[in-house]
Protein backbone atom coordinates (compact mmCIF):
# COMPACT_ATOMS: atom_id res chain seq x y z
CA UNK A 1 9.75 17.03 2.61
CA UNK A 2 10.72 20.71 2.68
CA UNK A 3 7.40 22.38 1.86
CA UNK A 4 6.71 26.08 2.26
CA UNK A 5 4.43 27.01 5.16
CA UNK A 6 1.69 28.04 2.71
CA UNK A 7 1.42 24.55 1.16
CA UNK A 8 -2.03 22.98 1.72
CA UNK A 9 -2.06 20.11 4.20
CA UNK A 10 -3.88 17.81 1.77
CA UNK A 11 -1.02 18.16 -0.73
CA UNK A 12 1.63 17.38 1.90
CA UNK A 13 -0.30 14.33 3.12
CA UNK A 14 -0.81 13.03 -0.41
CA UNK A 15 2.86 13.43 -1.33
CA UNK A 16 4.00 11.80 1.93
CA UNK A 17 1.51 8.94 1.42
CA UNK A 18 -0.05 9.62 4.81
CA UNK A 19 -3.67 9.90 5.91
CA UNK A 20 -5.16 12.73 7.93
CA UNK A 21 -5.22 12.60 11.73
CA UNK A 22 -8.98 12.08 11.91
CA UNK A 23 -8.90 9.19 9.44
CA UNK A 24 -5.93 7.70 11.28
CA UNK A 25 -7.98 7.76 14.49
CA UNK A 26 -10.74 5.90 12.65
CA UNK A 27 -8.23 3.33 11.41
CA UNK A 28 -6.72 2.80 14.87
CA UNK A 29 -10.16 2.49 16.47
CA UNK A 30 -11.39 0.01 13.86
CA UNK A 31 -8.31 -2.18 14.29
CA UNK A 32 -8.67 -2.05 18.08
CA UNK A 33 -12.33 -3.12 17.88
CA UNK A 34 -11.45 -6.16 15.77
CA UNK A 35 -8.69 -7.14 18.19
CA UNK A 36 -11.02 -6.76 21.18
CA UNK A 37 -13.72 -8.72 19.35
CA UNK A 38 -11.31 -11.65 18.90
CA UNK A 39 -10.94 -12.04 22.67
CA UNK A 40 -13.82 -13.79 24.42
CA UNK A 41 -12.98 -12.12 27.74
CA UNK A 42 -12.22 -8.61 26.48
CA UNK A 43 -13.41 -6.12 29.13
CA UNK A 44 -13.53 -3.35 26.54
CA UNK A 45 -15.77 -5.27 24.15
CA UNK A 46 -18.00 -6.41 27.00
CA UNK A 47 -18.35 -2.79 28.16
CA UNK A 48 -19.37 -1.73 24.65
CA UNK A 49 -22.01 -4.46 24.56
CA UNK A 50 -23.36 -3.25 27.91
CA UNK A 51 -23.32 0.32 26.62
CA UNK A 52 -25.43 -0.76 23.65
CA UNK A 53 -27.99 -2.30 26.01
CA UNK A 54 -28.07 0.89 28.09
CA UNK A 55 -28.86 3.26 25.20
CA UNK A 56 -32.39 2.06 24.53
CA UNK A 57 -33.93 5.05 22.77
CA UNK A 58 -33.07 6.06 19.22
CA UNK A 59 -31.97 9.56 20.24
CA UNK A 60 -29.68 8.21 22.96
CA UNK A 61 -28.12 5.79 20.49
CA UNK A 62 -27.50 8.55 17.93
CA UNK A 63 -26.00 10.76 20.63
CA UNK A 64 -23.69 7.96 21.83
CA UNK A 65 -22.52 7.20 18.30
CA UNK A 66 -21.81 10.86 17.57
CA UNK A 67 -19.84 11.39 20.80
CA UNK A 68 -17.93 8.11 21.04
CA UNK A 69 -15.71 7.07 18.16
CA UNK A 70 -15.16 3.70 19.82
CA UNK A 71 -18.87 3.00 20.18
CA UNK A 72 -19.49 4.07 16.58
CA UNK A 73 -16.99 1.54 15.25
CA UNK A 74 -18.36 -1.11 17.57
CA UNK A 75 -21.86 -0.62 16.13
CA UNK A 76 -20.68 -0.68 12.50
CA UNK A 77 -18.58 -3.84 12.94
CA UNK A 78 -20.59 -5.94 15.42
CA UNK A 79 -22.15 -7.96 12.57
CA UNK A 80 -18.74 -9.54 11.92
CA UNK A 81 -18.63 -11.05 15.39
CA UNK A 82 -20.26 -14.21 14.03
CA UNK A 83 -17.53 -14.81 11.44
CA UNK A 84 -14.43 -13.83 13.39
CA UNK A 85 -12.38 -16.40 15.28
CA UNK A 86 -12.63 -15.72 19.01
CA UNK A 87 -10.51 -17.32 21.71
CA UNK A 88 -9.84 -17.06 25.42
CA UNK A 89 -6.06 -16.87 25.04
CA UNK A 90 -3.51 -16.47 22.19
CA UNK A 91 -3.45 -19.29 19.59
CA UNK A 92 0.29 -19.74 20.11
CA UNK A 93 -0.46 -21.54 23.39
CA UNK A 94 -3.10 -23.95 22.11
CA UNK A 95 -0.61 -26.56 20.97
CA UNK A 96 2.46 -28.26 22.35
CA UNK A 97 5.81 -26.55 22.71
CA UNK A 98 7.04 -28.67 19.82
CA UNK A 99 4.43 -27.14 17.52
CA UNK A 100 5.03 -23.63 18.86
CA UNK A 101 8.76 -23.73 18.11
CA UNK A 102 8.52 -25.77 14.90
CA UNK A 103 10.39 -24.17 12.03
CA UNK A 104 9.19 -25.31 8.61
CA UNK A 105 11.86 -24.53 6.05
CA UNK A 106 11.11 -24.10 2.37
CA UNK A 107 13.05 -24.04 -0.86
CA UNK A 108 13.50 -20.49 -2.15
CA UNK A 109 15.77 -21.10 -5.13
CA UNK A 110 13.54 -18.98 -7.39
CA UNK A 111 13.65 -15.88 -5.21
CA UNK A 112 14.88 -12.86 -7.07
CA UNK A 113 13.73 -14.01 -10.49
CA UNK A 114 12.59 -11.15 -12.69
CA UNK A 115 9.05 -11.62 -14.00
CA UNK A 116 9.87 -9.26 -16.85
CA UNK A 117 12.23 -11.85 -18.29
CA UNK A 118 11.21 -14.40 -20.88
CA UNK A 119 8.58 -16.64 -19.25
CA UNK A 120 10.01 -19.68 -21.02
CA UNK A 121 13.34 -19.09 -19.28
CA UNK A 122 11.60 -18.79 -15.90
CA UNK A 123 9.72 -22.05 -16.47
CA UNK A 124 12.92 -23.81 -17.54
CA UNK A 125 14.69 -22.47 -14.44
CA UNK A 126 11.88 -23.81 -12.24
CA UNK A 127 11.94 -27.29 -13.77
CA UNK A 128 15.73 -27.42 -13.50
CA UNK A 129 15.95 -26.30 -9.86
CA UNK A 130 13.02 -28.43 -8.68
CA UNK A 131 13.97 -31.57 -10.62
CA UNK A 132 15.60 -33.44 -7.74
CA UNK A 133 12.76 -32.56 -5.35
CA UNK A 134 10.10 -33.82 -7.75
CA UNK A 135 11.66 -37.22 -8.33
CA UNK A 136 9.62 -40.07 -6.80
CA UNK A 137 7.38 -37.47 -5.15
CA UNK A 138 3.79 -36.29 -5.46
CA UNK A 139 3.64 -32.59 -6.38
CA UNK A 140 0.88 -30.27 -5.21
CA UNK A 141 0.41 -26.68 -6.35
CA UNK A 142 -1.51 -24.35 -4.05
CA UNK A 143 -2.87 -20.87 -4.62
CA UNK A 144 -5.32 -18.35 -3.21
CA UNK A 145 -7.45 -15.68 -4.83
CA UNK A 146 -9.50 -12.68 -3.72
CA UNK A 147 -12.00 -10.94 -5.95
CA UNK A 148 -12.72 -7.20 -5.90
CA UNK A 149 -16.07 -7.96 -4.30
CA UNK A 150 -14.31 -9.49 -1.30
CA UNK A 151 -14.84 -13.19 -2.07
CA UNK A 152 -11.83 -15.35 -1.25
CA UNK A 153 -10.92 -18.72 -2.72
CA UNK A 154 -8.16 -21.30 -2.32
CA UNK A 155 -7.28 -24.33 -4.40
CA UNK A 156 -4.88 -27.26 -4.64
CA UNK A 157 -3.76 -28.71 -7.99
CA UNK A 158 -2.17 -32.15 -8.10
CA UNK A 159 0.35 -32.81 -10.89
CA UNK A 160 3.69 -28.90 -2.95
CA UNK A 161 4.56 -25.87 -5.06
CA UNK A 162 3.51 -22.73 -3.20
CA UNK A 163 3.39 -19.11 -4.44
CA UNK A 164 2.38 -17.50 -1.14
CA UNK A 165 5.71 -16.33 0.20
CA UNK A 166 4.19 -14.64 3.26
CA UNK A 167 2.55 -17.91 4.36
CA UNK A 168 5.83 -19.81 4.01
CA UNK A 169 7.68 -17.10 5.91
CA UNK A 170 5.18 -17.40 8.76
CA UNK A 171 5.60 -21.18 8.85
CA UNK A 172 9.39 -20.92 8.86
CA UNK A 173 9.45 -18.39 11.72
CA UNK A 174 9.83 -20.25 15.01
CA UNK A 175 10.46 -17.22 17.22
CA UNK A 176 7.37 -15.09 16.58
CA UNK A 177 4.07 -15.83 18.34
CA UNK A 178 1.56 -15.67 15.48
CA UNK A 179 -1.96 -14.39 16.13
CA UNK A 180 -3.34 -16.33 13.18
CA UNK A 181 -4.53 -19.63 14.63
CA UNK A 182 -4.45 -21.39 11.24
CA UNK A 183 -0.63 -21.20 11.22
CA UNK A 184 -0.48 -23.58 14.18
CA UNK A 185 -2.99 -25.99 12.67
CA UNK A 186 -0.74 -26.19 9.61
CA UNK A 187 2.32 -26.76 11.79
CA UNK A 188 0.52 -29.51 13.69
CA UNK A 189 -0.55 -31.18 10.44
CA UNK A 190 2.97 -30.87 9.05
CA UNK A 191 4.41 -32.42 12.20
CA UNK A 192 2.01 -35.36 11.90
CA UNK A 193 2.88 -35.89 8.23
CA UNK A 194 6.65 -35.73 8.67
CA UNK A 195 6.51 -38.53 11.21
CA UNK A 196 5.51 -40.78 8.32
CA UNK A 197 6.87 -39.19 5.14
CA UNK A 198 9.16 -36.40 4.00
CA UNK A 199 7.46 -33.13 3.11
CA UNK A 200 9.11 -30.31 1.13
CA UNK A 201 7.75 -26.81 0.48
CA UNK A 202 8.99 -25.11 -2.67
CA UNK A 203 8.14 -21.47 -3.34
CA UNK A 204 7.42 -20.44 -6.93
CA UNK A 205 6.67 -16.94 -8.27
CA UNK A 206 3.08 -16.36 -9.34
CA UNK A 207 1.95 -15.70 -12.91
CA UNK A 208 5.11 -16.77 -14.71
CA UNK A 209 3.52 -19.52 -16.77
CA UNK A 210 4.35 -22.58 -14.65
CA UNK A 211 1.51 -24.95 -15.73
CA UNK A 212 0.72 -26.46 -12.33
CA UNK A 213 0.65 -23.10 -10.62
CA UNK A 214 -1.48 -21.53 -13.36
CA UNK A 215 -4.01 -24.36 -12.94
CA UNK A 216 -4.09 -23.79 -9.18
CA UNK A 217 -4.56 -20.05 -9.78
CA UNK A 218 -7.52 -20.64 -12.11
CA UNK A 219 -9.07 -23.08 -9.63
CA UNK A 220 -8.66 -20.59 -6.77
CA UNK A 221 -10.41 -17.86 -8.77
CA UNK A 222 -13.29 -20.22 -9.47
CA UNK A 223 -13.41 -21.30 -5.82
CA UNK A 224 -13.76 -17.66 -4.76
CA UNK A 225 -17.03 -17.53 -6.70
CA UNK A 226 -18.60 -20.96 -6.42
CA UNK A 227 -16.35 -23.09 -4.24
CA UNK A 228 -17.01 -25.01 -1.04
CA UNK A 229 -17.05 -22.87 2.09
CA UNK A 230 -15.06 -24.59 4.87
CA UNK A 231 -16.21 -24.20 8.49
CA UNK A 232 -13.30 -21.91 9.39
CA UNK A 233 -13.62 -18.71 11.36
CA UNK A 234 -11.72 -15.69 10.03
CA UNK A 235 -8.58 -14.66 11.98
CA UNK A 236 -9.09 -11.09 13.14
CA UNK A 237 -5.85 -10.09 11.41
CA UNK A 238 -7.55 -10.70 8.06
CA UNK A 239 -10.16 -8.09 8.94
CA UNK A 240 -7.48 -5.50 9.66
CA UNK A 241 -6.95 -5.20 5.91
CA UNK A 242 -10.58 -4.09 5.63
CA UNK A 243 -9.88 -1.35 8.19
CA UNK A 244 -6.94 -0.18 6.09
CA UNK A 245 -8.96 -0.33 2.87
CA UNK A 246 -11.73 1.73 4.47
CA UNK A 247 -9.21 4.32 5.66
CA UNK A 248 -7.76 4.55 2.15
CA UNK A 249 -11.23 5.06 0.67
CA UNK A 250 -11.97 7.80 3.20
CA UNK A 251 -8.64 9.45 2.43
CA UNK A 252 -9.27 9.41 -1.33
CA UNK A 253 -12.75 10.85 -0.90
CA UNK A 254 -11.44 13.56 1.43
CA UNK A 255 -8.66 14.42 -1.03
CA UNK A 256 -11.18 14.70 -3.86
CA UNK A 257 -13.40 17.10 -1.89
CA UNK A 258 -10.66 19.31 -0.43
CA UNK A 259 -8.75 19.52 -3.71
CA UNK A 260 -11.63 21.31 -5.39
CA UNK A 261 -10.50 24.43 -3.52
CA UNK A 262 -6.96 23.69 -2.27
CA UNK A 263 -4.10 22.00 -4.10
CA UNK A 264 -6.12 21.74 -7.32
CA UNK A 265 -3.08 21.82 -9.63
CA UNK A 266 -1.40 19.03 -7.67
CA UNK A 267 -4.55 16.89 -7.63
CA UNK A 268 -5.12 17.24 -11.37
CA UNK A 269 -1.52 16.59 -12.41
CA UNK A 270 0.24 14.48 -9.78
CA UNK A 271 -2.14 12.83 -7.33
CA UNK A 272 -2.08 9.04 -7.47
CA UNK A 273 -3.63 7.03 -4.67
CA UNK A 274 -2.37 3.64 -5.86
CA UNK A 275 1.34 3.53 -4.95
CA UNK A 276 2.16 3.44 -1.25
CA UNK A 277 5.64 4.85 -1.82
CA UNK A 278 6.63 8.49 -2.24
CA UNK A 279 7.61 9.56 -5.75
CA UNK A 280 11.33 9.68 -4.86
CA UNK A 281 11.43 6.22 -3.22
CA UNK A 282 14.59 4.43 -4.31
CA UNK A 283 15.80 7.41 -6.36
CA UNK A 284 19.39 8.59 -6.03
CA UNK A 285 18.57 12.22 -5.30
CA UNK A 286 19.94 14.80 -2.88
CA UNK A 287 17.74 16.48 -0.28
CA UNK A 288 17.90 19.78 -2.20
CA UNK A 289 16.64 18.06 -5.35
CA UNK A 290 13.78 16.36 -3.49
CA UNK A 291 12.73 19.60 -1.75
CA UNK A 292 12.84 21.52 -5.01
CA UNK A 293 10.65 19.00 -6.89
CA UNK A 294 8.21 18.78 -3.96
CA UNK A 295 7.72 22.54 -4.02
CA UNK A 296 7.35 22.63 -7.80
CA UNK A 297 4.73 19.88 -7.74
CA UNK A 298 2.82 21.60 -4.94
CA UNK A 299 2.87 24.90 -6.88
CA UNK A 300 4.02 26.76 -3.77
CA UNK A 301 7.37 28.14 -4.83
CA UNK A 302 9.44 31.30 -4.70
CA UNK A 303 8.01 32.97 -7.82
CA UNK A 304 5.74 36.00 -7.87
CA UNK A 305 2.70 34.13 -9.16
CA UNK A 306 2.82 31.78 -6.16
CA UNK A 307 3.82 34.44 -3.64
CA UNK A 308 1.00 36.73 -4.77
CA UNK A 309 -1.59 34.01 -3.99
CA UNK A 310 -0.58 34.09 -0.33
CA UNK A 311 -0.29 37.90 -0.17
CA UNK A 312 3.50 37.98 0.13
CA UNK A 313 4.02 40.25 -2.89
CA UNK A 314 1.77 42.92 -4.37
CA UNK A 315 1.82 41.69 -7.97
CA UNK A 316 2.21 38.32 -9.76
CA UNK A 317 4.06 40.05 -12.62
CA UNK A 318 7.65 39.33 -13.63
CA UNK A 319 10.24 42.16 -13.69
CA UNK A 320 10.66 41.47 -17.41
CA UNK A 321 7.14 42.81 -17.98
CA UNK A 322 5.14 39.58 -18.27
CA UNK A 323 1.95 39.71 -16.14
CA UNK A 324 2.63 36.23 -14.63
CA UNK A 325 5.96 35.09 -13.25
CA UNK A 326 5.47 31.31 -13.24
CA UNK A 327 8.08 28.56 -13.35
CA UNK A 328 7.23 27.87 -17.01
CA UNK A 329 7.66 31.56 -17.81
CA UNK A 330 11.09 31.66 -16.12
CA UNK A 331 12.41 28.60 -17.95
CA UNK A 332 10.83 28.95 -21.39
CA UNK A 333 10.01 32.61 -21.99
CA UNK A 334 11.64 35.06 -19.56
CA UNK A 335 14.37 37.12 -21.24
CA UNK A 336 15.95 37.75 -17.86
CA UNK A 337 16.21 34.18 -16.58
CA UNK A 338 16.08 31.81 -19.58
CA UNK A 339 19.58 32.54 -20.83
CA UNK A 340 21.02 29.48 -19.04
CA UNK A 341 17.92 27.27 -19.11
CA UNK A 342 18.70 25.76 -22.52
CA UNK A 343 19.71 22.33 -21.06
CA UNK A 344 16.28 22.07 -19.40
CA UNK A 345 14.46 23.27 -22.51
CA UNK A 346 16.34 20.80 -24.69
CA UNK A 347 15.59 17.95 -22.28
CA UNK A 348 11.86 18.80 -22.17
CA UNK A 349 11.70 19.13 -25.96
CA UNK A 350 13.33 15.72 -26.41
CA UNK A 351 11.43 13.79 -23.73
CA UNK A 352 8.08 15.62 -23.79
CA UNK A 353 7.64 17.19 -27.25
CA UNK A 354 4.77 19.67 -27.25
CA UNK A 355 4.04 22.89 -29.19
CA UNK A 356 3.46 24.63 -25.85
CA UNK A 357 6.44 23.89 -23.55
CA UNK A 358 5.31 22.83 -20.09
CA UNK A 359 7.33 21.58 -17.12
CA UNK A 360 4.44 19.80 -15.37
CA UNK A 361 4.43 16.55 -17.45
CA UNK A 362 8.12 16.08 -16.69
CA UNK A 363 7.49 16.45 -12.95
CA UNK A 364 5.09 13.48 -12.76
CA UNK A 365 8.02 11.09 -12.61
CA UNK A 366 11.12 13.29 -12.72
CA UNK A 367 14.37 11.66 -13.75
CA UNK A 368 17.56 12.26 -11.75
CA UNK A 369 18.95 14.15 -14.75
CA UNK A 370 16.03 16.59 -14.82
CA UNK A 371 16.33 17.12 -11.05
CA UNK A 372 20.01 17.96 -11.41
CA UNK A 373 19.35 20.33 -14.32
CA UNK A 374 16.60 22.16 -12.44
CA UNK A 375 18.65 22.51 -9.27
CA UNK A 376 21.65 23.83 -11.20
CA UNK A 377 19.43 26.36 -12.97
CA UNK A 378 17.83 27.57 -9.74
CA UNK A 379 21.14 27.97 -7.97
CA UNK A 380 22.73 29.73 -10.94
CA UNK A 381 19.92 32.30 -10.94
CA UNK A 382 19.61 32.50 -7.14
CA UNK A 383 16.09 31.11 -7.40
CA UNK A 384 16.45 27.98 -5.28
CA UNK A 385 12.99 27.49 -3.85
């Protein structure tokens, strides 16, 4: 990423889309507990249960929780033992070899369709490509839904069109041993059905206006709130997402607290917890351009204002006489350095018109053109950061 040694760790972690070491330990421990919980004969989980019985007094329990990260996560997650699916050996070996190696293919003719296109064209494309499959056949649309409160619903609409690509990929993979036991129940059911009739899975993109799929989506949302609850235990893999969500919440809260004193400018202008990709993901940029933008966004750069904050220069003033040598001053105001910054100033004025010129808004999602202009300016003035 190319940061200066003075850059706060919270800024570097946020830009790299990583979590702190302590939170990562919590995440790893939580995931391990769920995996151990799923095994009926796990020696680790049994030892934790015995440890809980041994710490009888309140003070001993508090001391054990504070000193053992593993025991702490065991205590906070033990209530989910009743809902998690537990087994004595991996689900891949419950069924016959035929089921284990069964590869369920599906039709993926609509892969790559752009949801930004006209929805009517997408619907027409679906009806055209699925026409032969739907002739003399019964069509079923399936969908799943999860609310923000954690409720999950699934539905089937009869008018199988499936919009869960990950589920179809799991069913079509005959080489991987899946830890989700429901995959093998589906394979067994599919095998039983195909001995009598022909079954075809057809993947469709979600939320593109296909009537049957929209009806299944609405029914799944309703089922998440008031639907029938089947007697199925939850695969432990489904709970791993809760571990990740908890780690993300801890990371956001930590970032909020630390940024009140370190990396404040970055937090107020650039921090975004939602995307899981770095800002330059997929961008056609050189390493020098990426390093330069990273340092500008972190506000730890080779200008006197930044260097003065870390006691590397005696004064934040610019040689031109201005009391603050900032990046905005260099580009927009400095008589010494702004002679060849007109391409940058013109670009900012066109894309981000403002009475008070400011580079920060342009750095939130910098275009390749801006990156090239900035790098050329820095090199021309021997200011490459």
